[in-house]
Amino acid sequence: MGGGDVTLLSVTILPEGMKVLVPAGASLLEAALSGGIEILHSCGGVPACTTCRVEICAGKENLSRMSLPEQELLRESGILHSHRLACQARVSGDVRIKRDLWRRTLDSPGTRD
């Protein structure tokens, strides 16, 4: 193997069931976007909101540690132990996540289905 070899990790995104291969260190948001799956991310990854929250179905141990701001946002939302912010969580192994489904309408730019 050459020095430029990159190990690709699997991120499976539900409900689509799409499997995306990404290099170690990629965020869950980057994984979804690279697979053509939209995950809302209103704050641009600061983290200052929870629009990019995803439920962790498997592989929680294969994600980066939570920062204090991420912990506080998820705790305030009541989803600290089940979700991560896709913009913050970086992969170090295979992961399966479930994204929220959002519907856009003329009178509501981001409502949950």
PDB file of N, CA and C in Angstrom:
ATOM      1  N   MET A   1       0.827  -1.191   0.000  1.00  0.00           N
ATOM      2  CA  MET A   1       0.000   0.000   0.000  1.00  0.00           C
ATOM      3  C   MET A   1       0.861   1.239   0.000  1.00  0.00           C
ATOM      4  N   GLY A   2       0.442   2.232  -0.766  1.00  0.00           N
ATOM      5  CA  GLY A   2       1.187   3.465  -0.833  1.00  0.00           C
ATOM      6  C   GLY A   2       0.801   4.402   0.282  1.00  0.00           C
ATOM      7  N   GLY A   3       1.579   5.447   0.477  1.00  0.00           N
ATOM      8  CA  GLY A   3       1.322   6.405   1.533  1.00  0.00           C
ATOM      9  C   GLY A   3       0.073   7.227   1.317  1.00  0.00           C
ATOM     10  N   GLY A   4      -0.448   7.248   0.082  1.00  0.00           N
ATOM     11  CA  GLY A   4      -1.617   8.056  -0.211  1.00  0.00           C
ATOM     12  C   GLY A   4      -2.935   7.314  -0.062  1.00  0.00           C
ATOM     13  N   ASP A   5      -2.877   6.041   0.379  1.00  0.00           N
ATOM     14  CA  ASP A   5      -4.112   5.269   0.529  1.00  0.00           C
ATOM     15  C   ASP A   5      -4.982   5.863   1.631  1.00  0.00           C
ATOM     16  N   VAL A   6      -6.273   5.947   1.349  1.00  0.00           N
ATOM     17  CA  VAL A   6      -7.224   6.479   2.314  1.00  0.00           C
ATOM     18  C   VAL A   6      -8.234   5.386   2.632  1.00  0.00           C
ATOM     19  N   THR A   7      -8.431   5.121   3.912  1.00  0.00           N
ATOM     20  CA  THR A   7      -9.447   4.164   4.324  1.00  0.00           C
ATOM     21  C   THR A   7     -10.794   4.853   4.314  1.00  0.00           C
ATOM     22  N   LEU A   8     -11.750   4.259   3.628  1.00  0.00           N
ATOM     23  CA  LEU A   8     -13.091   4.826   3.562  1.00  0.00           C
ATOM     24  C   LEU A   8     -14.000   4.126   4.556  1.00  0.00           C
ATOM     25  N   LEU A   9     -14.817   4.914   5.223  1.00  0.00           N
ATOM     26  CA  LEU A   9     -15.738   4.417   6.234  1.00  0.00           C
ATOM     27  C   LEU A   9     -17.164   4.554   5.720  1.00  0.00           C
ATOM     28  N   SER A  10     -18.039   3.709   6.213  1.00  0.00           N
ATOM     29  CA  SER A  10     -19.414   3.677   5.747  1.00  0.00           C
ATOM     30  C   SER A  10     -20.337   4.452   6.687  1.00  0.00           C
ATOM     31  N   VAL A  11     -21.117   5.361   6.097  1.00  0.00           N
ATOM     32  CA  VAL A  11     -22.180   6.050   6.819  1.00  0.00           C
ATOM     33  C   VAL A  11     -23.477   5.690   6.096  1.00  0.00           C
ATOM     34  N   THR A  12     -24.356   4.968   6.788  1.00  0.00           N
ATOM     35  CA  THR A  12     -25.643   4.597   6.229  1.00  0.00           C
ATOM     36  C   THR A  12     -26.671   5.602   6.730  1.00  0.00           C
ATOM     37  N   ILE A  13     -27.426   6.182   5.807  1.00  0.00           N
ATOM     38  CA  ILE A  13     -28.370   7.243   6.138  1.00  0.00           C
ATOM     39  C   ILE A  13     -29.790   6.748   5.897  1.00  0.00           C
ATOM     40  N   LEU A  14     -30.561   6.748   6.964  1.00  0.00           N
ATOM     41  CA  LEU A  14     -31.959   6.350   6.911  1.00  0.00           C
ATOM     42  C   LEU A  14     -32.828   7.603   6.905  1.00  0.00           C
ATOM     43  N   PRO A  15     -33.998   7.625   6.354  1.00  0.00           N
ATOM     44  CA  PRO A  15     -34.754   6.467   5.895  1.00  0.00           C
ATOM     45  C   PRO A  15     -34.406   6.004   4.488  1.00  0.00           C
ATOM     46  N   GLU A  16     -33.529   6.722   3.789  1.00  0.00           N
ATOM     47  CA  GLU A  16     -33.208   6.343   2.407  1.00  0.00           C
ATOM     48  C   GLU A  16     -32.504   4.992   2.317  1.00  0.00           C
ATOM     49  N   GLY A  17     -31.743   4.641   3.353  1.00  0.00           N
ATOM     50  CA  GLY A  17     -30.963   3.413   3.312  1.00  0.00           C
ATOM     51  C   GLY A  17     -29.720   3.556   2.466  1.00  0.00           C
ATOM     52  N   MET A  18     -29.336   4.792   2.162  1.00  0.00           N
ATOM     53  CA  MET A  18     -28.163   5.037   1.329  1.00  0.00           C
ATOM     54  C   MET A  18     -26.880   4.876   2.136  1.00  0.00           C
ATOM     55  N   LYS A  19     -25.918   4.180   1.558  1.00  0.00           N
ATOM     56  CA  LYS A  19     -24.619   4.002   2.181  1.00  0.00           C
ATOM     57  C   LYS A  19     -23.625   4.907   1.449  1.00  0.00           C
ATOM     58  N   VAL A  20     -22.951   5.765   2.203  1.00  0.00           N
ATOM     59  CA  VAL A  20     -21.982   6.704   1.655  1.00  0.00           C
ATOM     60  C   VAL A  20     -20.620   6.360   2.229  1.00  0.00           C
ATOM     61  N   LEU A  21     -19.611   6.343   1.392  1.00  0.00           N
ATOM     62  CA  LEU A  21     -18.246   6.079   1.852  1.00  0.00           C
ATOM     63  C   LEU A  21     -17.501   7.399   1.976  1.00  0.00           C
ATOM     64  N   VAL A  22     -16.894   7.618   3.153  1.00  0.00           N
ATOM     65  CA  VAL A  22     -16.187   8.872   3.425  1.00  0.00           C
ATOM     66  C   VAL A  22     -14.869   8.563   4.118  1.00  0.00           C
ATOM     67  N   PRO A  23     -13.900   9.471   4.013  1.00  0.00           N
ATOM     68  CA  PRO A  23     -12.649   9.282   4.742  1.00  0.00           C
ATOM     69  C   PRO A  23     -12.849   9.549   6.233  1.00  0.00           C
ATOM     70  N   ALA A  24     -12.015   8.947   7.054  1.00  0.00           N
ATOM     71  CA  ALA A  24     -12.048   9.205   8.493  1.00  0.00           C
ATOM     72  C   ALA A  24     -11.917  10.703   8.727  1.00  0.00           C
ATOM     73  N   GLY A  25     -12.696  11.208   9.672  1.00  0.00           N
ATOM     74  CA  GLY A  25     -12.655  12.626   9.997  1.00  0.00           C
ATOM     75  C   GLY A  25     -13.718  13.450   9.302  1.00  0.00           C
ATOM     76  N   ALA A  26     -14.419  12.864   8.335  1.00  0.00           N
ATOM     77  CA  ALA A  26     -15.508  13.592   7.672  1.00  0.00           C
ATOM     78  C   ALA A  26     -16.662  13.738   8.654  1.00  0.00           C
ATOM     79  N   SER A  27     -17.387  14.830   8.549  1.00  0.00           N
ATOM     80  CA  SER A  27     -18.555  15.006   9.414  1.00  0.00           C
ATOM     81  C   SER A  27     -19.728  14.236   8.825  1.00  0.00           C
ATOM     82  N   LEU A  28     -20.719  13.966   9.671  1.00  0.00           N
ATOM     83  CA  LEU A  28     -21.928  13.307   9.181  1.00  0.00           C
ATOM     84  C   LEU A  28     -22.633  14.180   8.155  1.00  0.00           C
ATOM     85  N   LEU A  29     -22.564  15.492   8.329  1.00  0.00           N
ATOM     86  CA  LEU A  29     -23.155  16.411   7.355  1.00  0.00           C
ATOM     87  C   LEU A  29     -22.445  16.286   6.013  1.00  0.00           C
ATOM     88  N   GLU A  30     -21.126  16.258   6.024  1.00  0.00           N
ATOM     89  CA  GLU A  30     -20.361  16.100   4.780  1.00  0.00           C
ATOM     90  C   GLU A  30     -20.706  14.774   4.105  1.00  0.00           C
ATOM     91  N   ALA A  31     -20.872  13.728   4.910  1.00  0.00           N
ATOM     92  CA  ALA A  31     -21.221  12.414   4.355  1.00  0.00           C
ATOM     93  C   ALA A  31     -22.568  12.476   3.639  1.00  0.00           C
ATOM     94  N   ALA A  32     -23.570  13.051   4.297  1.00  0.00           N
ATOM     95  CA  ALA A  32     -24.902  13.132   3.695  1.00  0.00           C
ATOM     96  C   ALA A  32     -24.874  13.956   2.417  1.00  0.00           C
ATOM     97  N   LEU A  33     -24.266  15.115   2.480  1.00  0.00           N
ATOM     98  CA  LEU A  33     -24.226  15.987   1.304  1.00  0.00           C
ATOM     99  C   LEU A  33     -23.478  15.336   0.147  1.00  0.00           C
ATOM    100  N   SER A  34     -22.412  14.592   0.444  1.00  0.00           N
ATOM    101  CA  SER A  34     -21.663  13.930  -0.629  1.00  0.00           C
ATOM    102  C   SER A  34     -22.491  12.838  -1.294  1.00  0.00           C
ATOM    103  N   GLY A  35     -23.490  12.310  -0.566  1.00  0.00           N
ATOM    104  CA  GLY A  35     -24.394  11.309  -1.129  1.00  0.00           C
ATOM    105  C   GLY A  35     -25.632  11.912  -1.743  1.00  0.00           C
ATOM    106  N   GLY A  36     -25.703  13.244  -1.784  1.00  0.00           N
ATOM    107  CA  GLY A  36     -26.843  13.914  -2.375  1.00  0.00           C
ATOM    108  C   GLY A  36     -28.070  13.947  -1.472  1.00  0.00           C
ATOM    109  N   ILE A  37     -27.863  13.732  -0.173  1.00  0.00           N
ATOM    110  CA  ILE A  37     -28.966  13.758   0.782  1.00  0.00           C
ATOM    111  C   ILE A  37     -28.905  15.064   1.563  1.00  0.00           C
ATOM    112  N   GLU A  38     -30.012  15.792   1.539  1.00  0.00           N
ATOM    113  CA  GLU A  38     -30.057  17.083   2.217  1.00  0.00           C
ATOM    114  C   GLU A  38     -30.312  16.916   3.701  1.00  0.00           C
ATOM    115  N   ILE A  39     -29.466  17.548   4.482  1.00  0.00           N
ATOM    116  CA  ILE A  39     -29.701  17.714   5.911  1.00  0.00           C
ATOM    117  C   ILE A  39     -29.638  19.212   6.144  1.00  0.00           C
ATOM    118  N   LEU A  40     -30.715  19.769   6.688  1.00  0.00           N
ATOM    119  CA  LEU A  40     -30.721  21.201   6.957  1.00  0.00           C
ATOM    120  C   LEU A  40     -29.584  21.548   7.909  1.00  0.00           C
ATOM    121  N   HIS A  41     -29.003  22.712   7.717  1.00  0.00           N
ATOM    122  CA  HIS A  41     -27.911  23.166   8.591  1.00  0.00           C
ATOM    123  C   HIS A  41     -27.918  24.691   8.615  1.00  0.00           C
ATOM    124  N   SER A  42     -28.885  25.223   9.353  1.00  0.00           N
ATOM    125  CA  SER A  42     -29.158  26.658   9.365  1.00  0.00           C
ATOM    126  C   SER A  42     -28.008  27.523   9.853  1.00  0.00           C
ATOM    127  N   CYS A  43     -27.249  27.062  10.845  1.00  0.00           N
ATOM    128  CA  CYS A  43     -26.224  27.924  11.438  1.00  0.00           C
ATOM    129  C   CYS A  43     -24.879  27.807  10.738  1.00  0.00           C
ATOM    130  N   GLY A  44     -24.777  26.940   9.749  1.00  0.00           N
ATOM    131  CA  GLY A  44     -23.520  26.796   9.029  1.00  0.00           C
ATOM    132  C   GLY A  44     -22.443  26.053   9.792  1.00  0.00           C
ATOM    133  N   GLY A  45     -22.824  25.300  10.818  1.00  0.00           N
ATOM    134  CA  GLY A  45     -21.866  24.463  11.538  1.00  0.00           C
ATOM    135  C   GLY A  45     -21.176  25.121  12.702  1.00  0.00           C
ATOM    136  N   VAL A  46     -21.767  26.124  13.296  1.00  0.00           N
ATOM    137  CA  VAL A  46     -21.110  26.914  14.360  1.00  0.00           C
ATOM    138  C   VAL A  46     -20.804  26.121  15.641  1.00  0.00           C
ATOM    139  N   PRO A  47     -21.522  25.360  16.329  1.00  0.00           N
ATOM    140  CA  PRO A  47     -22.929  24.996  16.320  1.00  0.00           C
ATOM    141  C   PRO A  47     -23.768  25.951  17.170  1.00  0.00           C
ATOM    142  N   ALA A  48     -24.876  26.395  16.601  1.00  0.00           N
ATOM    143  CA  ALA A  48     -25.765  27.312  17.312  1.00  0.00           C
ATOM    144  C   ALA A  48     -27.229  26.930  17.173  1.00  0.00           C
ATOM    145  N   CYS A  49     -27.519  25.818  16.506  1.00  0.00           N
ATOM    146  CA  CYS A  49     -28.902  25.379  16.341  1.00  0.00           C
ATOM    147  C   CYS A  49     -28.916  23.853  16.339  1.00  0.00           C
ATOM    148  N   THR A  50     -30.059  23.277  16.119  1.00  0.00           N
ATOM    149  CA  THR A  50     -30.148  21.813  16.049  1.00  0.00           C
ATOM    150  C   THR A  50     -30.805  21.333  14.752  1.00  0.00           C
ATOM    151  N   THR A  51     -30.790  22.164  13.719  1.00  0.00           N
ATOM    152  CA  THR A  51     -31.452  21.760  12.478  1.00  0.00           C
ATOM    153  C   THR A  51     -30.778  20.563  11.816  1.00  0.00           C
ATOM    154  N   CYS A  52     -29.507  20.341  12.082  1.00  0.00           N
ATOM    155  CA  CYS A  52     -28.799  19.212  11.463  1.00  0.00           C
ATOM    156  C   CYS A  52     -28.763  17.979  12.357  1.00  0.00           C
ATOM    157  N   ARG A  53     -29.590  17.956  13.381  1.00  0.00           N
ATOM    158  CA  ARG A  53     -29.574  16.812  14.302  1.00  0.00           C
ATOM    159  C   ARG A  53     -29.921  15.530  13.561  1.00  0.00           C
ATOM    160  N   VAL A  54     -29.245  14.457  13.941  1.00  0.00           N
ATOM    161  CA  VAL A  54     -29.528  13.134  13.391  1.00  0.00           C
ATOM    162  C   VAL A  54     -29.551  12.144  14.552  1.00  0.00           C
ATOM    163  N   GLU A  55     -30.400  11.151  14.426  1.00  0.00           N
ATOM    164  CA  GLU A  55     -30.464  10.088  15.428  1.00  0.00           C
ATOM    165  C   GLU A  55     -29.373   9.078  15.121  1.00  0.00           C
ATOM    166  N   ILE A  56     -28.654   8.655  16.137  1.00  0.00           N
ATOM    167  CA  ILE A  56     -27.603   7.661  15.950  1.00  0.00           C
ATOM    168  C   ILE A  56     -28.210   6.282  16.183  1.00  0.00           C
ATOM    169  N   CYS A  57     -28.282   5.475  15.131  1.00  0.00           N
ATOM    170  CA  CYS A  57     -28.876   4.145  15.201  1.00  0.00           C
ATOM    171  C   CYS A  57     -27.847   3.082  15.544  1.00  0.00           C
ATOM    172  N   ALA A  58     -26.627   3.255  15.069  1.00  0.00           N
ATOM    173  CA  ALA A  58     -25.542   2.303  15.335  1.00  0.00           C
ATOM    174  C   ALA A  58     -24.215   3.002  15.107  1.00  0.00           C
ATOM    175  N   GLY A  59     -23.199   2.584  15.858  1.00  0.00           N
ATOM    176  CA  GLY A  59     -21.860   3.125  15.676  1.00  0.00           C
ATOM    177  C   GLY A  59     -21.565   4.383  16.469  1.00  0.00           C
ATOM    178  N   LYS A  60     -22.316   4.630  17.528  1.00  0.00           N
ATOM    179  CA  LYS A  60     -22.098   5.827  18.356  1.00  0.00           C
ATOM    180  C   LYS A  60     -20.635   5.937  18.802  1.00  0.00           C
ATOM    181  N   GLU A  61     -20.037   4.782  19.068  1.00  0.00           N
ATOM    182  CA  GLU A  61     -18.640   4.750  19.514  1.00  0.00           C
ATOM    183  C   GLU A  61     -17.664   5.143  18.402  1.00  0.00           C
ATOM    184  N   ASN A  62     -18.149   5.207  17.169  1.00  0.00           N
ATOM    185  CA  ASN A  62     -17.308   5.560  16.021  1.00  0.00           C
ATOM    186  C   ASN A  62     -17.423   7.031  15.636  1.00  0.00           C
ATOM    187  N   LEU A  63     -17.911   7.844  16.573  1.00  0.00           N
ATOM    188  CA  LEU A  63     -18.036   9.279  16.336  1.00  0.00           C
ATOM    189  C   LEU A  63     -17.144  10.045  17.304  1.00  0.00           C
ATOM    190  N   SER A  64     -16.743  11.225  16.877  1.00  0.00           N
ATOM    191  CA  SER A  64     -15.922  12.091  17.716  1.00  0.00           C
ATOM    192  C   SER A  64     -16.662  12.436  19.009  1.00  0.00           C
ATOM    193  N   ARG A  65     -15.904  12.836  20.014  1.00  0.00           N
ATOM    194  CA  ARG A  65     -16.501  13.258  21.284  1.00  0.00           C
ATOM    195  C   ARG A  65     -17.295  14.539  21.069  1.00  0.00           C
ATOM    196  N   MET A  66     -18.341  14.701  21.863  1.00  0.00           N
ATOM    197  CA  MET A  66     -19.156  15.916  21.783  1.00  0.00           C
ATOM    198  C   MET A  66     -18.443  17.090  22.436  1.00  0.00           C
ATOM    199  N   SER A  67     -18.529  18.228  21.775  1.00  0.00           N
ATOM    200  CA  SER A  67     -18.035  19.468  22.378  1.00  0.00           C
ATOM    201  C   SER A  67     -19.076  19.941  23.394  1.00  0.00           C
ATOM    202  N   LEU A  68     -18.678  20.820  24.287  1.00  0.00           N
ATOM    203  CA  LEU A  68     -19.600  21.365  25.277  1.00  0.00           C
ATOM    204  C   LEU A  68     -20.785  22.087  24.623  1.00  0.00           C
ATOM    205  N   PRO A  69     -20.555  22.945  23.591  1.00  0.00           N
ATOM    206  CA  PRO A  69     -21.710  23.589  22.945  1.00  0.00           C
ATOM    207  C   PRO A  69     -22.703  22.579  22.348  1.00  0.00           C
ATOM    208  N   GLU A  70     -22.198  21.506  21.722  1.00  0.00           N
ATOM    209  CA  GLU A  70     -23.091  20.486  21.165  1.00  0.00           C
ATOM    210  C   GLU A  70     -23.879  19.810  22.283  1.00  0.00           C
ATOM    211  N   GLN A  71     -23.205  19.454  23.371  1.00  0.00           N
ATOM    212  CA  GLN A  71     -23.884  18.833  24.506  1.00  0.00           C
ATOM    213  C   GLN A  71     -24.999  19.717  25.040  1.00  0.00           C
ATOM    214  N   GLU A  72     -24.721  20.991  25.192  1.00  0.00           N
ATOM    215  CA  GLU A  72     -25.714  21.918  25.737  1.00  0.00           C
ATOM    216  C   GLU A  72     -26.933  22.037  24.821  1.00  0.00           C
ATOM    217  N   LEU A  73     -26.701  22.148  23.500  1.00  0.00           N
ATOM    218  CA  LEU A  73     -27.816  22.247  22.555  1.00  0.00           C
ATOM    219  C   LEU A  73     -28.690  20.993  22.573  1.00  0.00           C
ATOM    220  N   LEU A  74     -28.056  19.834  22.580  1.00  0.00           N
ATOM    221  CA  LEU A  74     -28.814  18.586  22.569  1.00  0.00           C
ATOM    222  C   LEU A  74     -29.532  18.362  23.900  1.00  0.00           C
ATOM    223  N   ARG A  75     -28.891  18.746  25.009  1.00  0.00           N
ATOM    224  CA  ARG A  75     -29.528  18.617  26.322  1.00  0.00           C
ATOM    225  C   ARG A  75     -30.775  19.501  26.392  1.00  0.00           C
ATOM    226  N   GLU A  76     -30.650  20.757  25.937  1.00  0.00           N
ATOM    227  CA  GLU A  76     -31.790  21.680  25.937  1.00  0.00           C
ATOM    228  C   GLU A  76     -32.951  21.150  25.099  1.00  0.00           C
ATOM    229  N   SER A  77     -32.637  20.401  24.063  1.00  0.00           N
ATOM    230  CA  SER A  77     -33.667  19.849  23.181  1.00  0.00           C
ATOM    231  C   SER A  77     -34.201  18.506  23.672  1.00  0.00           C
ATOM    232  N   GLY A  78     -33.591  17.958  24.723  1.00  0.00           N
ATOM    233  CA  GLY A  78     -34.033  16.685  25.271  1.00  0.00           C
ATOM    234  C   GLY A  78     -33.608  15.474  24.463  1.00  0.00           C
ATOM    235  N   ILE A  79     -32.561  15.618  23.659  1.00  0.00           N
ATOM    236  CA  ILE A  79     -32.135  14.509  22.789  1.00  0.00           C
ATOM    237  C   ILE A  79     -30.634  14.208  22.935  1.00  0.00           C
ATOM    238  N   LEU A  80     -30.084  14.521  24.098  1.00  0.00           N
ATOM    239  CA  LEU A  80     -28.642  14.378  24.323  1.00  0.00           C
ATOM    240  C   LEU A  80     -28.134  12.956  24.094  1.00  0.00           C
ATOM    241  N   HIS A  81     -28.889  11.958  24.517  1.00  0.00           N
ATOM    242  CA  HIS A  81     -28.380  10.583  24.467  1.00  0.00           C
ATOM    243  C   HIS A  81     -28.733   9.830  23.193  1.00  0.00           C
ATOM    244  N   SER A  82     -29.543  10.422  22.334  1.00  0.00           N
ATOM    245  CA  SER A  82     -29.964   9.704  21.125  1.00  0.00           C
ATOM    246  C   SER A  82     -29.495  10.353  19.826  1.00  0.00           C
ATOM    247  N   HIS A  83     -29.132  11.621  19.862  1.00  0.00           N
ATOM    248  CA  HIS A  83     -28.827  12.371  18.651  1.00  0.00           C
ATOM    249  C   HIS A  83     -27.429  12.998  18.708  1.00  0.00           C
ATOM    250  N   ARG A  84     -26.982  13.407  17.527  1.00  0.00           N
ATOM    251  CA  ARG A  84     -25.775  14.218  17.385  1.00  0.00           C
ATOM    252  C   ARG A  84     -26.065  15.303  16.361  1.00  0.00           C
ATOM    253  N   LEU A  85     -25.270  16.352  16.395  1.00  0.00           N
ATOM    254  CA  LEU A  85     -25.344  17.371  15.357  1.00  0.00           C
ATOM    255  C   LEU A  85     -24.468  16.893  14.210  1.00  0.00           C
ATOM    256  N   ALA A  86     -25.055  16.762  13.026  1.00  0.00           N
ATOM    257  CA  ALA A  86     -24.336  16.226  11.870  1.00  0.00           C
ATOM    258  C   ALA A  86     -23.142  17.096  11.486  1.00  0.00           C
ATOM    259  N   CYS A  87     -23.224  18.386  11.775  1.00  0.00           N
ATOM    260  CA  CYS A  87     -22.117  19.286  11.436  1.00  0.00           C
ATOM    261  C   CYS A  87     -20.929  19.099  12.371  1.00  0.00           C
ATOM    262  N   GLN A  88     -21.147  18.501  13.532  1.00  0.00           N
ATOM    263  CA  GLN A  88     -20.089  18.370  14.535  1.00  0.00           C
ATOM    264  C   GLN A  88     -19.518  16.964  14.656  1.00  0.00           C
ATOM    265  N   ALA A  89     -20.348  15.949  14.482  1.00  0.00           N
ATOM    266  CA  ALA A  89     -19.931  14.561  14.672  1.00  0.00           C
ATOM    267  C   ALA A  89     -19.067  14.103  13.498  1.00  0.00           C
ATOM    268  N   ARG A  90     -17.860  13.677  13.800  1.00  0.00           N
ATOM    269  CA  ARG A  90     -16.916  13.204  12.782  1.00  0.00           C
ATOM    270  C   ARG A  90     -16.702  11.701  12.933  1.00  0.00           C
ATOM    271  N   VAL A  91     -16.617  11.020  11.800  1.00  0.00           N
ATOM    272  CA  VAL A  91     -16.575   9.558  11.808  1.00  0.00           C
ATOM    273  C   VAL A  91     -15.157   9.009  11.940  1.00  0.00           C
ATOM    274  N   SER A  92     -15.064   7.915  12.715  1.00  0.00           N
ATOM    275  CA  SER A  92     -13.805   7.180  12.831  1.00  0.00           C
ATOM    276  C   SER A  92     -14.048   5.692  12.574  1.00  0.00           C
ATOM    277  N   GLY A  93     -15.272   5.352  12.213  1.00  0.00           N
ATOM    278  CA  GLY A  93     -15.667   3.983  11.919  1.00  0.00           C
ATOM    279  C   GLY A  93     -17.061   4.007  11.308  1.00  0.00           C
ATOM    280  N   ASP A  94     -17.588   2.845  11.002  1.00  0.00           N
ATOM    281  CA  ASP A  94     -18.903   2.768  10.357  1.00  0.00           C
ATOM    282  C   ASP A  94     -20.014   3.237  11.302  1.00  0.00           C
ATOM    283  N   VAL A  95     -20.998   3.946  10.727  1.00  0.00           N
ATOM    284  CA  VAL A  95     -22.090   4.546  11.500  1.00  0.00           C
ATOM    285  C   VAL A  95     -23.389   4.411  10.702  1.00  0.00           C
ATOM    286  N   ARG A  96     -24.504   4.272  11.432  1.00  0.00           N
ATOM    287  CA  ARG A  96     -25.828   4.312  10.808  1.00  0.00           C
ATOM    288  C   ARG A  96     -26.634   5.392  11.516  1.00  0.00           C
ATOM    289  N   ILE A  97     -27.190   6.316  10.729  1.00  0.00           N
ATOM    290  CA  ILE A  97     -27.939   7.444  11.285  1.00  0.00           C
ATOM    291  C   ILE A  97     -29.314   7.536  10.641  1.00  0.00           C
ATOM    292  N   LYS A  98     -30.209   8.232  11.325  1.00  0.00           N
ATOM    293  CA  LYS A  98     -31.533   8.514  10.762  1.00  0.00           C
ATOM    294  C   LYS A  98     -31.715  10.019  10.793  1.00  0.00           C
ATOM    295  N   ARG A  99     -31.979  10.582   9.627  1.00  0.00           N
ATOM    296  CA  ARG A  99     -32.170  12.028   9.540  1.00  0.00           C
ATOM    297  C   ARG A  99     -33.642  12.374   9.670  1.00  0.00           C
ATOM    298  N   ASP A 100     -33.911  13.585  10.133  1.00  0.00           N
ATOM    299  CA  ASP A 100     -35.280  14.086  10.173  1.00  0.00           C
ATOM    300  C   ASP A 100     -35.728  14.387   8.754  1.00  0.00           C
ATOM    301  N   LEU A 101     -36.995  14.169   8.494  1.00  0.00           N
ATOM    302  CA  LEU A 101     -37.567  14.540   7.201  1.00  0.00           C
ATOM    303  C   LEU A 101     -38.221  15.900   7.353  1.00  0.00           C
ATOM    304  N   TRP A 102     -37.919  16.777   6.434  1.00  0.00           N
ATOM    305  CA  TRP A 102     -38.451  18.135   6.466  1.00  0.00           C
ATOM    306  C   TRP A 102     -39.225  18.381   5.189  1.00  0.00           C
ATOM    307  N   ARG A 103     -40.238  19.188   5.285  1.00  0.00           N
ATOM    308  CA  ARG A 103     -41.041  19.554   4.127  1.00  0.00           C
ATOM    309  C   ARG A 103     -40.995  21.067   3.996  1.00  0.00           C
ATOM    310  N   ARG A 104     -40.724  21.534   2.823  1.00  0.00           N
ATOM    311  CA  ARG A 104     -40.703  22.974   2.577  1.00  0.00           C
ATOM    312  C   ARG A 104     -42.003  23.376   1.884  1.00  0.00           C
ATOM    313  N   THR A 105     -42.638  24.423   2.410  1.00  0.00           N
ATOM    314  CA  THR A 105     -43.842  24.958   1.795  1.00  0.00           C
ATOM    315  C   THR A 105     -43.648  26.468   1.659  1.00  0.00           C
ATOM    316  N   LEU A 106     -44.542  27.105   0.942  1.00  0.00           N
ATOM    317  CA  LEU A 106     -44.428  28.557   0.748  1.00  0.00           C
ATOM    318  C   LEU A 106     -44.505  29.318   2.060  1.00  0.00           C
ATOM    319  N   ASP A 107     -45.335  28.854   2.995  1.00  0.00           N
ATOM    320  CA  ASP A 107     -45.505  29.601   4.238  1.00  0.00           C
ATOM    321  C   ASP A 107     -44.611  29.094   5.367  1.00  0.00           C
ATOM    322  N   SER A 108     -43.860  28.039   5.151  1.00  0.00           N
ATOM    323  CA  SER A 108     -43.022  27.493   6.207  1.00  0.00           C
ATOM    324  C   SER A 108     -41.727  26.947   5.621  1.00  0.00           C
ATOM    325  N   PRO A 109     -40.621  27.672   5.797  1.00  0.00           N
ATOM    326  CA  PRO A 109     -39.368  27.264   5.186  1.00  0.00           C
ATOM    327  C   PRO A 109     -38.775  25.974   5.731  1.00  0.00           C
ATOM    328  N   GLY A 110     -39.217  25.499   6.858  1.00  0.00           N
ATOM    329  CA  GLY A 110     -38.661  24.250   7.383  1.00  0.00           C
ATOM    330  C   GLY A 110     -39.580  23.629   8.407  1.00  0.00           C
ATOM    331  N   THR A 111     -40.522  22.818   7.973  1.00  0.00           N
ATOM    332  CA  THR A 111     -41.405  22.151   8.901  1.00  0.00           C
ATOM    333  C   THR A 111     -41.199  20.652   8.812  1.00  0.00           C
ATOM    334  N   ARG A 112     -41.353  19.995   9.927  1.00  0.00           N
ATOM    335  CA  ARG A 112     -41.171  18.545   9.951  1.00  0.00           C
ATOM    336  C   ARG A 112     -42.359  17.845   9.329  1.00  0.00           C
ATOM    337  N   ASP A 113     -42.079  16.781   8.601  1.00  0.00           N
ATOM    338  CA  ASP A 113     -43.157  15.929   8.078  1.00  0.00           C
ATOM    339  C   ASP A 113     -43.725  15.091   9.195  1.00  0.00           C
TER     340      ASP A 113
END
